[in-house]
Structures are given as C-alpha cells and as structure tokens.
C-alpha cells in the first residue's frame, strides 16, 4: 500500500465523516471474518432511509482475496468493508446497486474483512 493510497483512503473517510453521513445515517454494520461461515454472520438490516438488507455474505476469491456481498431492497445502496492487512485498516467501496441488487466489495490480497457497512446512495 503506497502513501498515496493511504492518503486517498484517509481523505475518503474524513470526507464521509465531515459530511455527516456516518453520524446521521446510522449505517448497518456487521462484523464478518474470513473464518466465520456465512450462516453465522451477523444480520445487517439497514433501516436508514428504508433499506432492508440481508446478512452480509463472506466471499473468498481467486488467490485468496477476501470480500463480502450484501443484497438490499428499498432503494439504491453501496456496500463498503473495513479491511485489515498486517495491522493497517482501510476502507474499500463496492458497486452501487439498486433495490433488489447486490453490492460486492473485495479487500486486497492478504487482507481480511473486519466489518461490512451499507449506505443508502
């Protein structure tokens, strides 16, 4: 991870906090670990602005990449995950999905998922 990427991730997080999105939207957050099977992952019902989301599904991709996907109804949304790689935590954002769709997001190779968030968009 380069200093530039760390700065971009920090700037994105600061922008979200500064805009009040995290303070006012009450995003759904559920801890998802690579070792936790999908059936025992905590439920993530997002009630902010009418979203109804299912449990985040942990994913393992090619080469061992870890990620998660979330499906919601009730409006457009974007999933994000907090990843941890050797003690360094950062945020990755998934695709924007419409009601009934799925937002999928991945960590870098060698990192694991700390938490999953859903934001109405």
PDB file of N, CA and C in Angstrom:
ATOM      1  N   UNK A   1       0.862  -1.170   0.000  1.00  0.00           N
ATOM      2  CA  UNK A   1       0.000   0.000   0.000  1.00  0.00           C
ATOM      3  C   UNK A   1       0.898   1.220   0.000  1.00  0.00           C
ATOM      4  N   UNK A   2       0.738   2.071  -0.954  1.00  0.00           N
ATOM      5  CA  UNK A   2       1.559   3.261  -1.061  1.00  0.00           C
ATOM      6  C   UNK A   2       1.012   4.370  -0.178  1.00  0.00           C
ATOM      7  N   UNK A   3       1.841   5.362   0.067  1.00  0.00           N
ATOM      8  CA  UNK A   3       1.421   6.511   0.858  1.00  0.00           C
ATOM      9  C   UNK A   3       0.260   7.212   0.171  1.00  0.00           C
ATOM     10  N   UNK A   4       0.285   7.268  -1.163  1.00  0.00           N
ATOM     11  CA  UNK A   4      -0.793   7.914  -1.922  1.00  0.00           C
ATOM     12  C   UNK A   4      -2.127   7.215  -1.642  1.00  0.00           C
ATOM     13  N   UNK A   5      -2.150   5.880  -1.679  1.00  0.00           N
ATOM     14  CA  UNK A   5      -3.388   5.142  -1.422  1.00  0.00           C
ATOM     15  C   UNK A   5      -3.867   5.347   0.006  1.00  0.00           C
ATOM     16  N   UNK A   6      -2.941   5.389   0.954  1.00  0.00           N
ATOM     17  CA  UNK A   6      -3.326   5.632   2.342  1.00  0.00           C
ATOM     18  C   UNK A   6      -3.948   7.016   2.474  1.00  0.00           C
ATOM     19  N   UNK A   7      -3.357   7.999   1.787  1.00  0.00           N
ATOM     20  CA  UNK A   7      -3.904   9.354   1.830  1.00  0.00           C
ATOM     21  C   UNK A   7      -5.299   9.393   1.232  1.00  0.00           C
ATOM     22  N   UNK A   8      -5.510   8.720   0.115  1.00  0.00           N
ATOM     23  CA  UNK A   8      -6.822   8.701  -0.541  1.00  0.00           C
ATOM     24  C   UNK A   8      -7.855   8.044   0.361  1.00  0.00           C
ATOM     25  N   UNK A   9      -7.494   6.892   0.968  1.00  0.00           N
ATOM     26  CA  UNK A   9      -8.420   6.215   1.878  1.00  0.00           C
ATOM     27  C   UNK A   9      -8.737   7.093   3.083  1.00  0.00           C
ATOM     28  N   UNK A  10      -7.715   7.771   3.633  1.00  0.00           N
ATOM     29  CA  UNK A  10      -7.934   8.653   4.774  1.00  0.00           C
ATOM     30  C   UNK A  10      -8.802   9.841   4.390  1.00  0.00           C
ATOM     31  N   UNK A  11      -8.558  10.396   3.206  1.00  0.00           N
ATOM     32  CA  UNK A  11      -9.340  11.536   2.740  1.00  0.00           C
ATOM     33  C   UNK A  11     -10.798  11.140   2.519  1.00  0.00           C
ATOM     34  N   UNK A  12     -11.018   9.945   1.969  1.00  0.00           N
ATOM     35  CA  UNK A  12     -12.393   9.482   1.740  1.00  0.00           C
ATOM     36  C   UNK A  12     -13.122   9.294   3.062  1.00  0.00           C
ATOM     37  N   UNK A  13     -12.446   8.730   4.039  1.00  0.00           N
ATOM     38  CA  UNK A  13     -13.058   8.534   5.353  1.00  0.00           C
ATOM     39  C   UNK A  13     -13.350   9.880   6.011  1.00  0.00           C
ATOM     40  N   UNK A  14     -12.408  10.810   5.929  1.00  0.00           N
ATOM     41  CA  UNK A  14     -12.619  12.132   6.512  1.00  0.00           C
ATOM     42  C   UNK A  14     -13.767  12.862   5.827  1.00  0.00           C
ATOM     43  N   UNK A  15     -13.870  12.715   4.515  1.00  0.00           N
ATOM     44  CA  UNK A  15     -14.954  13.367   3.781  1.00  0.00           C
ATOM     45  C   UNK A  15     -16.307  12.818   4.222  1.00  0.00           C
ATOM     46  N   UNK A  16     -16.384  11.503   4.413  1.00  0.00           N
ATOM     47  CA  UNK A  16     -17.638  10.903   4.856  1.00  0.00           C
ATOM     48  C   UNK A  16     -18.005  11.392   6.251  1.00  0.00           C
ATOM     49  N   UNK A  17     -17.022  11.467   7.132  1.00  0.00           N
ATOM     50  CA  UNK A  17     -17.285  11.933   8.489  1.00  0.00           C
ATOM     51  C   UNK A  17     -17.660  13.411   8.475  1.00  0.00           C
ATOM     52  N   UNK A  18     -16.959  14.193   7.671  1.00  0.00           N
ATOM     53  CA  UNK A  18     -17.225  15.622   7.589  1.00  0.00           C
ATOM     54  C   UNK A  18     -18.604  15.907   7.028  1.00  0.00           C
ATOM     55  N   UNK A  19     -19.064  15.097   6.114  1.00  0.00           N
ATOM     56  CA  UNK A  19     -20.383  15.296   5.524  1.00  0.00           C
ATOM     57  C   UNK A  19     -21.490  14.837   6.456  1.00  0.00           C
ATOM     58  N   UNK A  20     -21.127  14.160   7.520  1.00  0.00           N
ATOM     59  CA  UNK A  20     -22.122  13.724   8.491  1.00  0.00           C
ATOM     60  C   UNK A  20     -22.841  12.454   8.087  1.00  0.00           C
ATOM     61  N   UNK A  21     -22.363  11.770   7.051  1.00  0.00           N
ATOM     62  CA  UNK A  21     -23.041  10.565   6.602  1.00  0.00           C
ATOM     63  C   UNK A  21     -23.008   9.477   7.668  1.00  0.00           C
ATOM     64  N   UNK A  22     -21.869   9.311   8.295  1.00  0.00           N
ATOM     65  CA  UNK A  22     -21.763   8.255   9.302  1.00  0.00           C
ATOM     66  C   UNK A  22     -22.485   8.631  10.589  1.00  0.00           C
ATOM     67  N   UNK A  23     -22.531   9.924  10.900  1.00  0.00           N
ATOM     68  CA  UNK A  23     -23.161  10.351  12.145  1.00  0.00           C
ATOM     69  C   UNK A  23     -24.681  10.361  12.051  1.00  0.00           C
ATOM     70  N   UNK A  24     -25.235  10.629  10.855  1.00  0.00           N
ATOM     71  CA  UNK A  24     -26.681  10.784  10.759  1.00  0.00           C
ATOM     72  C   UNK A  24     -27.401   9.619  10.112  1.00  0.00           C
ATOM     73  N   UNK A  25     -26.715   8.839   9.302  1.00  0.00           N
ATOM     74  CA  UNK A  25     -27.401   7.792   8.559  1.00  0.00           C
ATOM     75  C   UNK A  25     -27.558   6.497   9.338  1.00  0.00           C
ATOM     76  N   UNK A  26     -26.814   6.303  10.410  1.00  0.00           N
ATOM     77  CA  UNK A  26     -26.842   5.064  11.194  1.00  0.00           C
ATOM     78  C   UNK A  26     -26.704   3.855  10.286  1.00  0.00           C
ATOM     79  N   UNK A  27     -25.521   3.697   9.626  1.00  0.00           N
ATOM     80  CA  UNK A  27     -25.338   2.600   8.691  1.00  0.00           C
ATOM     81  C   UNK A  27     -25.384   1.246   9.380  1.00  0.00           C
ATOM     82  N   UNK A  28     -25.797   0.260   8.619  1.00  0.00           N
ATOM     83  CA  UNK A  28     -25.803  -1.102   9.140  1.00  0.00           C
ATOM     84  C   UNK A  28     -24.377  -1.607   9.134  1.00  0.00           C
ATOM     85  N   UNK A  29     -23.925  -2.156  10.232  1.00  0.00           N
ATOM     86  CA  UNK A  29     -22.583  -2.679  10.329  1.00  0.00           C
ATOM     87  C   UNK A  29     -22.656  -4.077  10.912  1.00  0.00           C
ATOM     88  N   UNK A  30     -21.959  -4.986  10.292  1.00  0.00           N
ATOM     89  CA  UNK A  30     -21.905  -6.342  10.812  1.00  0.00           C
ATOM     90  C   UNK A  30     -20.487  -6.845  10.668  1.00  0.00           C
ATOM     91  N   UNK A  31     -19.955  -7.432  11.705  1.00  0.00           N
ATOM     92  CA  UNK A  31     -18.608  -7.969  11.640  1.00  0.00           C
ATOM     93  C   UNK A  31     -18.619  -9.255  10.832  1.00  0.00           C
ATOM     94  N   UNK A  32     -17.725  -9.352   9.889  1.00  0.00           N
ATOM     95  CA  UNK A  32     -17.606 -10.538   9.065  1.00  0.00           C
ATOM     96  C   UNK A  32     -16.138 -10.915   9.052  1.00  0.00           C
ATOM     97  N   UNK A  33     -15.829 -12.110   9.439  1.00  0.00           N
ATOM     98  CA  UNK A  33     -14.460 -12.587   9.433  1.00  0.00           C
ATOM     99  C   UNK A  33     -14.317 -13.677   8.393  1.00  0.00           C
ATOM    100  N   UNK A  34     -13.133 -13.793   7.857  1.00  0.00           N
ATOM    101  CA  UNK A  34     -12.886 -14.821   6.854  1.00  0.00           C
ATOM    102  C   UNK A  34     -13.121 -16.214   7.442  1.00  0.00           C
ATOM    103  N   UNK A  35     -12.942 -16.357   8.747  1.00  0.00           N
ATOM    104  CA  UNK A  35     -13.110 -17.656   9.387  1.00  0.00           C
ATOM    105  C   UNK A  35     -14.556 -17.930   9.779  1.00  0.00           C
ATOM    106  N   UNK A  36     -15.427 -16.929   9.698  1.00  0.00           N
ATOM    107  CA  UNK A  36     -16.812 -17.092  10.118  1.00  0.00           C
ATOM    108  C   UNK A  36     -17.645 -17.541   8.929  1.00  0.00           C
ATOM    109  N   UNK A  37     -18.348 -18.667   9.027  1.00  0.00           N
ATOM    110  CA  UNK A  37     -19.181 -19.096   7.915  1.00  0.00           C
ATOM    111  C   UNK A  37     -20.349 -18.143   7.705  1.00  0.00           C
ATOM    112  N   UNK A  38     -20.877 -18.129   6.492  1.00  0.00           N
ATOM    113  CA  UNK A  38     -21.948 -17.205   6.128  1.00  0.00           C
ATOM    114  C   UNK A  38     -23.177 -17.386   7.020  1.00  0.00           C
ATOM    115  N   UNK A  39     -23.468 -18.594   7.437  1.00  0.00           N
ATOM    116  CA  UNK A  39     -24.672 -18.839   8.223  1.00  0.00           C
ATOM    117  C   UNK A  39     -24.618 -18.172   9.589  1.00  0.00           C
ATOM    118  N   UNK A  40     -23.414 -17.945  10.126  1.00  0.00           N
ATOM    119  CA  UNK A  40     -23.330 -17.350  11.450  1.00  0.00           C
ATOM    120  C   UNK A  40     -22.971 -15.873  11.408  1.00  0.00           C
ATOM    121  N   UNK A  41     -22.849 -15.291  10.218  1.00  0.00           N
ATOM    122  CA  UNK A  41     -22.549 -13.861  10.124  1.00  0.00           C
ATOM    123  C   UNK A  41     -23.722 -13.061  10.679  1.00  0.00           C
ATOM    124  N   UNK A  42     -23.412 -11.988  11.371  1.00  0.00           N
ATOM    125  CA  UNK A  42     -24.455 -11.171  11.984  1.00  0.00           C
ATOM    126  C   UNK A  42     -25.332 -10.544  10.906  1.00  0.00           C
ATOM    127  N   UNK A  43     -26.601 -10.418  11.204  1.00  0.00           N
ATOM    128  CA  UNK A  43     -27.546  -9.817  10.273  1.00  0.00           C
ATOM    129  C   UNK A  43     -27.274  -8.328  10.136  1.00  0.00           C
ATOM    130  N   UNK A  44     -27.502  -7.794   8.947  1.00  0.00           N
ATOM    131  CA  UNK A  44     -27.262  -6.372   8.712  1.00  0.00           C
ATOM    132  C   UNK A  44     -28.500  -5.703   8.157  1.00  0.00           C
ATOM    133  N   UNK A  45     -29.590  -5.619   8.961  1.00  0.00           N
ATOM    134  CA  UNK A  45     -30.762  -4.940   8.431  1.00  0.00           C
ATOM    135  C   UNK A  45     -30.560  -3.434   8.472  1.00  0.00           C
ATOM    136  N   UNK A  46     -30.463  -2.813   7.317  1.00  0.00           N
ATOM    137  CA  UNK A  46     -30.288  -1.364   7.273  1.00  0.00           C
ATOM    138  C   UNK A  46     -31.662  -0.723   7.244  1.00  0.00           C
ATOM    139  N   UNK A  47     -31.995  -0.003   8.287  1.00  0.00           N
ATOM    140  CA  UNK A  47     -33.291   0.652   8.343  1.00  0.00           C
ATOM    141  C   UNK A  47     -33.182   2.120   7.966  1.00  0.00           C
ATOM    142  N   UNK A  48     -31.961   2.622   7.790  1.00  0.00           N
ATOM    143  CA  UNK A  48     -31.771   4.017   7.420  1.00  0.00           C
ATOM    144  C   UNK A  48     -32.393   4.266   6.050  1.00  0.00           C
ATOM    145  N   UNK A  49     -33.296   5.208   5.997  1.00  0.00           N
ATOM    146  CA  UNK A  49     -33.950   5.609   4.754  1.00  0.00           C
ATOM    147  C   UNK A  49     -34.629   4.448   4.035  1.00  0.00           C
ATOM    148  N   UNK A  50     -35.164   3.496   4.776  1.00  0.00           N
ATOM    149  CA  UNK A  50     -35.995   2.455   4.190  1.00  0.00           C
ATOM    150  C   UNK A  50     -35.297   1.255   3.601  1.00  0.00           C
ATOM    151  N   UNK A  51     -34.006   1.078   3.791  1.00  0.00           N
ATOM    152  CA  UNK A  51     -33.327  -0.098   3.256  1.00  0.00           C
ATOM    153  C   UNK A  51     -33.613  -1.318   4.119  1.00  0.00           C
ATOM    154  N   UNK A  52     -33.769  -2.449   3.477  1.00  0.00           N
ATOM    155  CA  UNK A  52     -33.932  -3.721   4.165  1.00  0.00           C
ATOM    156  C   UNK A  52     -32.897  -4.663   3.570  1.00  0.00           C
ATOM    157  N   UNK A  53     -31.848  -4.960   4.339  1.00  0.00           N
ATOM    158  CA  UNK A  53     -30.715  -5.734   3.830  1.00  0.00           C
ATOM    159  C   UNK A  53     -30.628  -7.102   4.494  1.00  0.00           C
ATOM    160  N   UNK A  54     -30.169  -8.076   3.743  1.00  0.00           N
ATOM    161  CA  UNK A  54     -29.909  -9.398   4.282  1.00  0.00           C
ATOM    162  C   UNK A  54     -28.549  -9.429   4.958  1.00  0.00           C
ATOM    163  N   UNK A  55     -28.184 -10.584   5.453  1.00  0.00           N
ATOM    164  CA  UNK A  55     -26.879 -10.755   6.088  1.00  0.00           C
ATOM    165  C   UNK A  55     -25.773 -10.635   5.051  1.00  0.00           C
ATOM    166  N   UNK A  56     -24.653 -10.014   5.424  1.00  0.00           N
ATOM    167  CA  UNK A  56     -23.511  -9.970   4.507  1.00  0.00           C
ATOM    168  C   UNK A  56     -22.991 -11.382   4.270  1.00  0.00           C
ATOM    169  N   UNK A  57     -22.646 -11.672   3.027  1.00  0.00           N
ATOM    170  CA  UNK A  57     -22.098 -12.986   2.693  1.00  0.00           C
ATOM    171  C   UNK A  57     -20.592 -12.875   2.499  1.00  0.00           C
ATOM    172  N   UNK A  58     -19.798 -13.560   3.348  1.00  0.00           N
ATOM    173  CA  UNK A  58     -18.347 -13.552   3.165  1.00  0.00           C
ATOM    174  C   UNK A  58     -17.984 -14.256   1.860  1.00  0.00           C
ATOM    175  N   UNK A  59     -16.989 -13.720   1.170  1.00  0.00           N
ATOM    176  CA  UNK A  59     -16.548 -14.290  -0.100  1.00  0.00           C
ATOM    177  C   UNK A  59     -15.054 -14.557  -0.053  1.00  0.00           C
ATOM    178  N   UNK A  60     -14.611 -15.599  -0.750  1.00  0.00           N
ATOM    179  CA  UNK A  60     -13.200 -15.856  -0.961  1.00  0.00           C
ATOM    180  C   UNK A  60     -12.998 -15.991  -2.457  1.00  0.00           C
ATOM    181  N   UNK A  61     -12.152 -15.129  -3.002  1.00  0.00           N
ATOM    182  CA  UNK A  61     -11.943 -15.095  -4.446  1.00  0.00           C
ATOM    183  C   UNK A  61     -10.665 -15.777  -4.861  1.00  0.00           C
ATOM    184  N   UNK A  62     -10.321 -15.575  -6.115  1.00  0.00           N
ATOM    185  CA  UNK A  62      -9.120 -16.177  -6.671  1.00  0.00           C
ATOM    186  C   UNK A  62      -7.890 -15.686  -5.922  1.00  0.00           C
ATOM    187  N   UNK A  63      -6.984 -16.564  -5.670  1.00  0.00           N
ATOM    188  CA  UNK A  63      -5.765 -16.209  -4.973  1.00  0.00           C
ATOM    189  C   UNK A  63      -5.945 -15.959  -3.492  1.00  0.00           C
ATOM    190  N   UNK A  64      -7.155 -16.160  -2.968  1.00  0.00           N
ATOM    191  CA  UNK A  64      -7.388 -15.978  -1.540  1.00  0.00           C
ATOM    192  C   UNK A  64      -7.909 -14.613  -1.144  1.00  0.00           C
ATOM    193  N   UNK A  65      -8.267 -13.756  -2.110  1.00  0.00           N
ATOM    194  CA  UNK A  65      -8.850 -12.466  -1.773  1.00  0.00           C
ATOM    195  C   UNK A  65     -10.096 -12.671  -0.913  1.00  0.00           C
ATOM    196  N   UNK A  66     -10.286 -11.838   0.099  1.00  0.00           N
ATOM    197  CA  UNK A  66     -11.473 -11.884   0.956  1.00  0.00           C
ATOM    198  C   UNK A  66     -12.366 -10.707   0.619  1.00  0.00           C
ATOM    199  N   UNK A  67     -13.658 -10.919   0.733  1.00  0.00           N
ATOM    200  CA  UNK A  67     -14.607  -9.852   0.440  1.00  0.00           C
ATOM    201  C   UNK A  67     -15.960 -10.171   1.023  1.00  0.00           C
ATOM    202  N   UNK A  68     -16.959  -9.402   0.604  1.00  0.00           N
ATOM    203  CA  UNK A  68     -18.321  -9.605   1.079  1.00  0.00           C
ATOM    204  C   UNK A  68     -19.288  -9.053   0.044  1.00  0.00           C
ATOM    205  N   UNK A  69     -20.505  -9.598   0.075  1.00  0.00           N
ATOM    206  CA  UNK A  69     -21.572  -9.063  -0.769  1.00  0.00           C
ATOM    207  C   UNK A  69     -22.817  -8.905   0.092  1.00  0.00           C
ATOM    208  N   UNK A  70     -23.615  -7.883  -0.243  1.00  0.00           N
ATOM    209  CA  UNK A  70     -24.835  -7.581   0.505  1.00  0.00           C
ATOM    210  C   UNK A  70     -25.939  -7.288  -0.494  1.00  0.00           C
ATOM    211  N   UNK A  71     -27.124  -7.842  -0.249  1.00  0.00           N
ATOM    212  CA  UNK A  71     -28.300  -7.559  -1.072  1.00  0.00           C
ATOM    213  C   UNK A  71     -29.316  -6.798  -0.224  1.00  0.00           C
ATOM    214  N   UNK A  72     -29.923  -5.766  -0.825  1.00  0.00           N
ATOM    215  CA  UNK A  72     -30.896  -4.937  -0.112  1.00  0.00           C
ATOM    216  C   UNK A  72     -32.075  -4.609  -1.019  1.00  0.00           C
ATOM    217  N   UNK A  73     -33.196  -4.281  -0.400  1.00  0.00           N
ATOM    218  CA  UNK A  73     -34.357  -3.751  -1.102  1.00  0.00           C
ATOM    219  C   UNK A  73     -34.739  -2.431  -0.444  1.00  0.00           C
ATOM    220  N   UNK A  74     -35.506  -1.635  -1.158  1.00  0.00           N
ATOM    221  CA  UNK A  74     -35.984  -0.385  -0.588  1.00  0.00           C
ATOM    222  C   UNK A  74     -35.277   0.848  -1.089  1.00  0.00           C
ATOM    223  N   UNK A  75     -34.332   0.706  -2.004  1.00  0.00           N
ATOM    224  CA  UNK A  75     -33.624   1.862  -2.545  1.00  0.00           C
ATOM    225  C   UNK A  75     -32.223   1.500  -2.988  1.00  0.00           C
ATOM    226  N   UNK A  76     -31.558   2.460  -3.592  1.00  0.00           N
ATOM    227  CA  UNK A  76     -30.180   2.253  -4.044  1.00  0.00           C
ATOM    228  C   UNK A  76     -29.232   2.277  -2.844  1.00  0.00           C
ATOM    229  N   UNK A  77     -28.125   1.556  -2.949  1.00  0.00           N
ATOM    230  CA  UNK A  77     -27.195   1.437  -1.828  1.00  0.00           C
ATOM    231  C   UNK A  77     -25.809   1.070  -2.335  1.00  0.00           C
ATOM    232  N   UNK A  78     -24.826   1.241  -1.467  1.00  0.00           N
ATOM    233  CA  UNK A  78     -23.447   0.852  -1.735  1.00  0.00           C
ATOM    234  C   UNK A  78     -22.897   0.178  -0.483  1.00  0.00           C
ATOM    235  N   UNK A  79     -22.255  -0.966  -0.659  1.00  0.00           N
ATOM    236  CA  UNK A  79     -21.610  -1.647   0.460  1.00  0.00           C
ATOM    237  C   UNK A  79     -20.160  -1.197   0.544  1.00  0.00           C
ATOM    238  N   UNK A  80     -19.630  -1.197   1.742  1.00  0.00           N
ATOM    239  CA  UNK A  80     -18.208  -0.939   1.941  1.00  0.00           C
ATOM    240  C   UNK A  80     -17.715  -1.893   3.022  1.00  0.00           C
ATOM    241  N   UNK A  81     -16.418  -2.136   3.006  1.00  0.00           N
ATOM    242  CA  UNK A  81     -15.830  -3.009   4.020  1.00  0.00           C
ATOM    243  C   UNK A  81     -14.592  -2.346   4.599  1.00  0.00           C
ATOM    244  N   UNK A  82     -14.353  -2.644   5.863  1.00  0.00           N
ATOM    245  CA  UNK A  82     -13.108  -2.264   6.506  1.00  0.00           C
ATOM    246  C   UNK A  82     -12.214  -3.493   6.425  1.00  0.00           C
ATOM    247  N   UNK A  83     -11.046  -3.317   5.833  1.00  0.00           N
ATOM    248  CA  UNK A  83     -10.096  -4.420   5.659  1.00  0.00           C
ATOM    249  C   UNK A  83      -8.906  -4.214   6.591  1.00  0.00           C
ATOM    250  N   UNK A  84      -8.270  -5.309   6.988  1.00  0.00           N
ATOM    251  CA  UNK A  84      -7.069  -5.248   7.809  1.00  0.00           C
ATOM    252  C   UNK A  84      -5.977  -6.063   7.137  1.00  0.00           C
ATOM    253  N   UNK A  85      -4.854  -5.406   6.897  1.00  0.00           N
ATOM    254  CA  UNK A  85      -3.698  -6.097   6.319  1.00  0.00           C
ATOM    255  C   UNK A  85      -2.486  -5.743   7.172  1.00  0.00           C
ATOM    256  N   UNK A  86      -2.034  -6.697   7.934  1.00  0.00           N
ATOM    257  CA  UNK A  86      -0.873  -6.551   8.805  1.00  0.00           C
ATOM    258  C   UNK A  86      -1.010  -5.359   9.746  1.00  0.00           C
ATOM    259  N   UNK A  87      -2.194  -5.192  10.332  1.00  0.00           N
ATOM    260  CA  UNK A  87      -2.413  -4.136  11.301  1.00  0.00           C
ATOM    261  C   UNK A  87      -2.841  -2.799  10.715  1.00  0.00           C
ATOM    262  N   UNK A  88      -2.819  -2.671   9.402  1.00  0.00           N
ATOM    263  CA  UNK A  88      -3.249  -1.433   8.755  1.00  0.00           C
ATOM    264  C   UNK A  88      -4.684  -1.604   8.279  1.00  0.00           C
ATOM    265  N   UNK A  89      -5.581  -0.731   8.725  1.00  0.00           N
ATOM    266  CA  UNK A  89      -7.000  -0.820   8.342  1.00  0.00           C
ATOM    267  C   UNK A  89      -7.331   0.241   7.317  1.00  0.00           C
ATOM    268  N   UNK A  90      -8.133  -0.145   6.358  1.00  0.00           N
ATOM    269  CA  UNK A  90      -8.544   0.756   5.290  1.00  0.00           C
ATOM    270  C   UNK A  90      -9.937   0.360   4.812  1.00  0.00           C
ATOM    271  N   UNK A  91     -10.565   1.218   4.017  1.00  0.00           N
ATOM    272  CA  UNK A  91     -11.927   1.000   3.547  1.00  0.00           C
ATOM    273  C   UNK A  91     -11.926   0.821   2.035  1.00  0.00           C
ATOM    274  N   UNK A  92     -12.678  -0.165   1.568  1.00  0.00           N
ATOM    275  CA  UNK A  92     -12.943  -0.338   0.139  1.00  0.00           C
ATOM    276  C   UNK A  92     -14.445  -0.235  -0.073  1.00  0.00           C
ATOM    277  N   UNK A  93     -14.832   0.356  -1.201  1.00  0.00           N
ATOM    278  CA  UNK A  93     -16.244   0.530  -1.526  1.00  0.00           C
ATOM    279  C   UNK A  93     -16.624  -0.384  -2.683  1.00  0.00           C
ATOM    280  N   UNK A  94     -17.829  -0.933  -2.615  1.00  0.00           N
ATOM    281  CA  UNK A  94     -18.340  -1.796  -3.670  1.00  0.00           C
ATOM    282  C   UNK A  94     -19.107  -1.003  -4.709  1.00  0.00           C
ATOM    283  N   UNK A  95     -19.740  -1.717  -5.592  1.00  0.00           N
ATOM    284  CA  UNK A  95     -20.544  -1.093  -6.630  1.00  0.00           C
ATOM    285  C   UNK A  95     -21.854  -0.556  -6.053  1.00  0.00           C
ATOM    286  N   UNK A  96     -22.402   0.462  -6.694  1.00  0.00           N
ATOM    287  CA  UNK A  96     -23.718   0.979  -6.323  1.00  0.00           C
ATOM    288  C   UNK A  96     -24.744   0.043  -6.933  1.00  0.00           C
ATOM    289  N   UNK A  97     -25.699  -0.370  -6.139  1.00  0.00           N
ATOM    290  CA  UNK A  97     -26.740  -1.290  -6.606  1.00  0.00           C
ATOM    291  C   UNK A  97     -28.110  -0.679  -6.344  1.00  0.00           C
ATOM    292  N   UNK A  98     -29.068  -1.053  -7.164  1.00  0.00           N
ATOM    293  CA  UNK A  98     -30.443  -0.591  -6.982  1.00  0.00           C
ATOM    294  C   UNK A  98     -31.204  -1.604  -6.138  1.00  0.00           C
ATOM    295  N   UNK A  99     -32.423  -1.255  -5.738  1.00  0.00           N
ATOM    296  CA  UNK A  99     -33.252  -2.120  -4.907  1.00  0.00           C
ATOM    297  C   UNK A  99     -33.348  -3.519  -5.501  1.00  0.00           C
ATOM    298  N   UNK A 100     -33.080  -4.527  -4.688  1.00  0.00           N
ATOM    299  CA  UNK A 100     -33.105  -5.911  -5.134  1.00  0.00           C
ATOM    300  C   UNK A 100     -31.777  -6.399  -5.671  1.00  0.00           C
ATOM    301  N   UNK A 101     -30.801  -5.507  -5.791  1.00  0.00           N
ATOM    302  CA  UNK A 101     -29.489  -5.863  -6.326  1.00  0.00           C
ATOM    303  C   UNK A 101     -28.505  -6.247  -5.242  1.00  0.00           C
ATOM    304  N   UNK A 102     -27.278  -6.498  -5.669  1.00  0.00           N
ATOM    305  CA  UNK A 102     -26.210  -6.903  -4.768  1.00  0.00           C
ATOM    306  C   UNK A 102     -24.993  -6.015  -4.977  1.00  0.00           C
ATOM    307  N   UNK A 103     -24.414  -5.544  -3.892  1.00  0.00           N
ATOM    308  CA  UNK A 103     -23.162  -4.793  -3.932  1.00  0.00           C
ATOM    309  C   UNK A 103     -22.066  -5.717  -3.413  1.00  0.00           C
ATOM    310  N   UNK A 104     -21.002  -5.848  -4.191  1.00  0.00           N
ATOM    311  CA  UNK A 104     -19.894  -6.737  -3.849  1.00  0.00           C
ATOM    312  C   UNK A 104     -18.622  -5.911  -3.717  1.00  0.00           C
ATOM    313  N   UNK A 105     -17.829  -6.217  -2.712  1.00  0.00           N
ATOM    314  CA  UNK A 105     -16.602  -5.466  -2.459  1.00  0.00           C
ATOM    315  C   UNK A 105     -15.513  -6.417  -1.967  1.00  0.00           C
ATOM    316  N   UNK A 106     -14.250  -6.120  -2.337  1.00  0.00           N
ATOM    317  CA  UNK A 106     -13.117  -7.003  -2.049  1.00  0.00           C
ATOM    318  C   UNK A 106     -12.007  -6.259  -1.318  1.00  0.00           C
ATOM    319  N   UNK A 107     -11.284  -6.975  -0.453  1.00  0.00           N
ATOM    320  CA  UNK A 107     -10.063  -6.475   0.172  1.00  0.00           C
ATOM    321  C   UNK A 107      -8.879  -6.819  -0.734  1.00  0.00           C
ATOM    322  N   UNK A 108      -7.740  -6.215  -0.433  1.00  0.00           N
ATOM    323  CA  UNK A 108      -6.507  -6.552  -1.137  1.00  0.00           C
ATOM    324  C   UNK A 108      -6.077  -7.976  -0.773  1.00  0.00           C
ATOM    325  N   UNK A 109      -5.235  -8.558  -1.587  1.00  0.00           N
ATOM    326  CA  UNK A 109      -4.704  -9.886  -1.314  1.00  0.00           C
ATOM    327  C   UNK A 109      -3.926  -9.862   0.000  1.00  0.00           C
ATOM    328  N   UNK A 110      -4.194 -10.815   0.868  1.00  0.00           N
ATOM    329  CA  UNK A 110      -3.517 -10.913   2.154  1.00  0.00           C
ATOM    330  C   UNK A 110      -4.225 -10.179   3.277  1.00  0.00           C
ATOM    331  N   UNK A 111      -5.307  -9.482   2.971  1.00  0.00           N
ATOM    332  CA  UNK A 111      -6.067  -8.763   3.992  1.00  0.00           C
ATOM    333  C   UNK A 111      -7.322  -9.554   4.334  1.00  0.00           C
ATOM    334  N   UNK A 112      -7.940  -9.220   5.449  1.00  0.00           N
ATOM    335  CA  UNK A 112      -9.191  -9.864   5.816  1.00  0.00           C
ATOM    336  C   UNK A 112     -10.236  -8.800   6.144  1.00  0.00           C
ATOM    337  N   UNK A 113     -11.507  -9.193   6.113  1.00  0.00           N
ATOM    338  CA  UNK A 113     -12.626  -8.289   6.335  1.00  0.00           C
ATOM    339  C   UNK A 113     -12.853  -8.117   7.835  1.00  0.00           C
ATOM    340  N   UNK A 114     -12.890  -6.866   8.296  1.00  0.00           N
ATOM    341  CA  UNK A 114     -13.151  -6.556   9.693  1.00  0.00           C
ATOM    342  C   UNK A 114     -14.647  -6.281   9.881  1.00  0.00           C
ATOM    343  N   UNK A 115     -15.239  -5.467   9.001  1.00  0.00           N
ATOM    344  CA  UNK A 115     -16.662  -5.158   9.115  1.00  0.00           C
ATOM    345  C   UNK A 115     -17.227  -4.793   7.750  1.00  0.00           C
ATOM    346  N   UNK A 116     -18.548  -4.909   7.652  1.00  0.00           N
ATOM    347  CA  UNK A 116     -19.289  -4.605   6.422  1.00  0.00           C
ATOM    348  C   UNK A 116     -20.279  -3.503   6.748  1.00  0.00           C
ATOM    349  N   UNK A 117     -20.362  -2.497   5.866  1.00  0.00           N
ATOM    350  CA  UNK A 117     -21.305  -1.386   6.062  1.00  0.00           C
ATOM    351  C   UNK A 117     -22.148  -1.232   4.813  1.00  0.00           C
ATOM    352  N   UNK A 118     -23.343  -0.701   5.012  1.00  0.00           N
ATOM    353  CA  UNK A 118     -24.256  -0.416   3.893  1.00  0.00           C
ATOM    354  C   UNK A 118     -24.711   1.024   4.034  1.00  0.00           C
ATOM    355  N   UNK A 119     -24.586   1.784   2.956  1.00  0.00           N
ATOM    356  CA  UNK A 119     -25.024   3.180   2.926  1.00  0.00           C
ATOM    357  C   UNK A 119     -26.047   3.377   1.833  1.00  0.00           C
ATOM    358  N   UNK A 120     -27.154   4.052   2.121  1.00  0.00           N
ATOM    359  CA  UNK A 120     -28.079   4.415   1.044  1.00  0.00           C
ATOM    360  C   UNK A 120     -27.405   5.431   0.124  1.00  0.00           C
ATOM    361  N   UNK A 121     -27.605   5.283  -1.181  1.00  0.00           N
ATOM    362  CA  UNK A 121     -26.987   6.232  -2.131  1.00  0.00           C
ATOM    363  C   UNK A 121     -27.988   6.798  -3.091  1.00  0.00           C
TER     364      UNK A 121
END
